[in-house]
Amino acid sequence: MFLEKITDYYELEEFPVLLIGNKSDLEKDIQKEEIDKFLDKNEFIGYFEVSCKNNYNIQDSMNFIFDYIYEREKVFPKVKIEANDKKKNKKKEKIKYYNLIMSKLNKIK
């Protein structure tokens, strides 16, 4: 399984996974209770319904997962950037952190 490959490769106890349900612009065949049970059983950190057609929740779901990882610093080491302006520094740090995560994930494929 994909998640086991990641946790084994990086010798992690856990790896945050966000469940994303696409086509939220269409009628649903599943109830919220079923989704909640699935999330709990598989230890997902959350769930977003998205629609690529309507561009609904796409950016929010990506921001959620990267903020989750960034704030907890469980998965990859923090990338340090020296800067005077703390606000600019945090934004630059998040961008570098995002790029670091993506490069690590690309190596797994």
C-alpha atoms as a PDB file:
ATOM      1  CA  MET A   1       0.000   0.000   0.000  1.00  0.00           C
ATOM      2  CA  PHE A   2       1.127   3.559  -0.755  1.00  0.00           C
ATOM      3  CA  LEU A   3       0.961   4.705   2.873  1.00  0.00           C
ATOM      4  CA  GLU A   4       3.055   1.755   4.073  1.00  0.00           C
ATOM      5  CA  LYS A   5       5.707   2.548   1.443  1.00  0.00           C
ATOM      6  CA  ILE A   6       5.996   6.101   2.732  1.00  0.00           C
ATOM      7  CA  THR A   7       6.097   5.177   6.414  1.00  0.00           C
ATOM      8  CA  ASP A   8       8.624   2.397   5.774  1.00  0.00           C
ATOM      9  CA  TYR A   9      10.817   4.518   3.491  1.00  0.00           C
ATOM     10  CA  TYR A  10      11.072   7.360   5.997  1.00  0.00           C
ATOM     11  CA  GLU A  11      10.881   5.108   9.075  1.00  0.00           C
ATOM     12  CA  LEU A  12       7.837   6.971  10.374  1.00  0.00           C
ATOM     13  CA  GLU A  13       5.222   5.887  12.865  1.00  0.00           C
ATOM     14  CA  GLU A  14       2.563   7.836  11.013  1.00  0.00           C
ATOM     15  CA  PHE A  15       2.009   9.887   7.901  1.00  0.00           C
ATOM     16  CA  PRO A  16      -0.888  12.348   7.597  1.00  0.00           C
ATOM     17  CA  VAL A  17      -3.354  11.487   4.845  1.00  0.00           C
ATOM     18  CA  LEU A  18      -6.266  13.664   3.786  1.00  0.00           C
ATOM     19  CA  LEU A  19      -9.224  12.050   2.019  1.00  0.00           C
ATOM     20  CA  ILE A  20     -10.489  14.123  -0.901  1.00  0.00           C
ATOM     21  CA  GLY A  21     -13.857  13.381  -2.481  1.00  0.00           C
ATOM     22  CA  ASN A  22     -14.063  14.758  -6.012  1.00  0.00           C
ATOM     23  CA  LYS A  23     -17.138  15.744  -8.024  1.00  0.00           C
ATOM     24  CA  SER A  24     -18.913  17.466  -5.147  1.00  0.00           C
ATOM     25  CA  ASP A  25     -20.998  19.221  -7.806  1.00  0.00           C
ATOM     26  CA  LEU A  26     -22.795  15.890  -8.453  1.00  0.00           C
ATOM     27  CA  GLU A  27     -25.314  14.006  -6.311  1.00  0.00           C
ATOM     28  CA  LYS A  28     -23.781  11.913  -3.519  1.00  0.00           C
ATOM     29  CA  ASP A  29     -24.228   8.165  -3.090  1.00  0.00           C
ATOM     30  CA  ILE A  30     -22.672   8.110   0.384  1.00  0.00           C
ATOM     31  CA  GLN A  31     -23.752   9.464   3.757  1.00  0.00           C
ATOM     32  CA  LYS A  32     -21.602  11.598   6.061  1.00  0.00           C
ATOM     33  CA  GLU A  33     -21.723   8.893   8.757  1.00  0.00           C
ATOM     34  CA  GLU A  34     -20.109   6.396   6.363  1.00  0.00           C
ATOM     35  CA  ILE A  35     -17.369   8.882   5.550  1.00  0.00           C
ATOM     36  CA  ASP A  36     -16.726   9.555   9.253  1.00  0.00           C
ATOM     37  CA  LYS A  37     -16.452   5.808   9.990  1.00  0.00           C
ATOM     38  CA  PHE A  38     -14.036   5.372   7.075  1.00  0.00           C
ATOM     39  CA  LEU A  39     -11.914   8.311   8.282  1.00  0.00           C
ATOM     40  CA  ASP A  40     -11.717   6.908  11.814  1.00  0.00           C
ATOM     41  CA  LYS A  41     -10.980   3.353  10.696  1.00  0.00           C
ATOM     42  CA  ASN A  42      -8.165   4.430   8.360  1.00  0.00           C
ATOM     43  CA  GLU A  43      -6.811   7.239  10.543  1.00  0.00           C
ATOM     44  CA  PHE A  44      -7.224   9.998   7.970  1.00  0.00           C
ATOM     45  CA  ILE A  45      -6.644  13.499   9.324  1.00  0.00           C
ATOM     46  CA  GLY A  46      -9.676  14.924   7.555  1.00  0.00           C
ATOM     47  CA  TYR A  47     -11.948  14.997   4.549  1.00  0.00           C
ATOM     48  CA  PHE A  48     -12.676  17.580   1.883  1.00  0.00           C
ATOM     49  CA  GLU A  49     -15.304  17.470  -0.810  1.00  0.00           C
ATOM     50  CA  VAL A  50     -13.957  19.163  -3.918  1.00  0.00           C
ATOM     51  CA  SER A  51     -15.102  19.977  -7.415  1.00  0.00           C
ATOM     52  CA  CYS A  52     -12.526  20.499 -10.127  1.00  0.00           C
ATOM     53  CA  LYS A  53     -15.317  21.619 -12.425  1.00  0.00           C
ATOM     54  CA  ASN A  54     -16.328  24.455 -10.071  1.00  0.00           C
ATOM     55  CA  ASN A  55     -12.879  24.923  -8.522  1.00  0.00           C
ATOM     56  CA  TYR A  56     -14.474  24.278  -5.121  1.00  0.00           C
ATOM     57  CA  ASN A  57     -12.248  23.482  -2.114  1.00  0.00           C
ATOM     58  CA  ILE A  58      -9.212  22.619  -4.252  1.00  0.00           C
ATOM     59  CA  GLN A  59      -6.882  25.220  -2.773  1.00  0.00           C
ATOM     60  CA  ASP A  60      -8.367  24.844   0.740  1.00  0.00           C
ATOM     61  CA  SER A  61      -7.705  21.105   0.799  1.00  0.00           C
ATOM     62  CA  MET A  62      -4.089  21.544  -0.330  1.00  0.00           C
ATOM     63  CA  ASN A  63      -3.523  24.333   2.189  1.00  0.00           C
ATOM     64  CA  PHE A  64      -4.969  22.130   4.928  1.00  0.00           C
ATOM     65  CA  ILE A  65      -2.582  19.226   4.356  1.00  0.00           C
ATOM     66  CA  PHE A  66       0.519  21.377   3.981  1.00  0.00           C
ATOM     67  CA  ASP A  67      -0.368  23.464   7.027  1.00  0.00           C
ATOM     68  CA  TYR A  68      -0.989  20.263   8.982  1.00  0.00           C
ATOM     69  CA  ILE A  69       2.422  18.875   8.090  1.00  0.00           C
ATOM     70  CA  TYR A  70       4.190  22.192   8.501  1.00  0.00           C
ATOM     71  CA  GLU A  71       2.753  22.876  11.964  1.00  0.00           C
ATOM     72  CA  ARG A  72       3.531  19.440  13.351  1.00  0.00           C
ATOM     73  CA  GLU A  73       6.938  18.953  11.746  1.00  0.00           C
ATOM     74  CA  LYS A  74       6.470  15.187  12.064  1.00  0.00           C
ATOM     75  CA  VAL A  75       7.298  14.171   8.554  1.00  0.00           C
ATOM     76  CA  PHE A  76      10.252  16.109   7.239  1.00  0.00           C
ATOM     77  CA  PRO A  77      12.818  18.375   8.878  1.00  0.00           C
ATOM     78  CA  LYS A  78      11.981  22.042   9.006  1.00  0.00           C
ATOM     79  CA  VAL A  79      13.665  24.172   6.374  1.00  0.00           C
ATOM     80  CA  LYS A  80      15.283  27.209   7.949  1.00  0.00           C
ATOM     81  CA  ILE A  81      15.429  30.512   6.143  1.00  0.00           C
ATOM     82  CA  GLU A  82      17.065  33.606   7.532  1.00  0.00           C
ATOM     83  CA  ALA A  83      15.115  36.833   7.086  1.00  0.00           C
ATOM     84  CA  ASN A  84      14.313  39.932   9.058  1.00  0.00           C
ATOM     85  CA  ASP A  85      10.617  40.160   8.296  1.00  0.00           C
ATOM     86  CA  LYS A  86       8.873  37.353  10.205  1.00  0.00           C
ATOM     87  CA  LYS A  87       5.756  37.373   8.025  1.00  0.00           C
ATOM     88  CA  LYS A  88       7.753  37.149   4.800  1.00  0.00           C
ATOM     89  CA  ASN A  89      10.007  34.598   6.444  1.00  0.00           C
ATOM     90  CA  LYS A  90       7.084  32.324   7.332  1.00  0.00           C
ATOM     91  CA  LYS A  91       5.683  32.511   3.791  1.00  0.00           C
ATOM     92  CA  LYS A  92       9.091  31.738   2.268  1.00  0.00           C
ATOM     93  CA  GLU A  93       9.587  28.937   4.766  1.00  0.00           C
ATOM     94  CA  LYS A  94       6.219  27.399   3.885  1.00  0.00           C
ATOM     95  CA  ILE A  95       7.035  27.542   0.171  1.00  0.00           C
ATOM     96  CA  LYS A  96      10.428  25.885   0.719  1.00  0.00           C
ATOM     97  CA  TYR A  97       8.784  23.324   2.994  1.00  0.00           C
ATOM     98  CA  TYR A  98       6.165  22.564   0.337  1.00  0.00           C
ATOM     99  CA  ASN A  99       8.898  22.114  -2.280  1.00  0.00           C
ATOM    100  CA  LEU A 100      10.832  19.842   0.082  1.00  0.00           C
ATOM    101  CA  ILE A 101       7.790  17.642   0.672  1.00  0.00           C
ATOM    102  CA  MET A 102       7.031  17.406  -3.040  1.00  0.00           C
ATOM    103  CA  SER A 103      10.613  16.484  -3.889  1.00  0.00           C
ATOM    104  CA  LYS A 104      10.635  13.751  -1.216  1.00  0.00           C
ATOM    105  CA  LEU A 105       7.309  12.348  -2.455  1.00  0.00           C
ATOM    106  CA  ASN A 106       8.535  12.349  -6.070  1.00  0.00           C
ATOM    107  CA  LYS A 107      11.479  10.145  -5.050  1.00  0.00           C
ATOM    108  CA  ILE A 108       9.075   7.484  -3.733  1.00  0.00           C
ATOM    109  CA  LYS A 109       7.321   7.022  -7.091  1.00  0.00           C
END
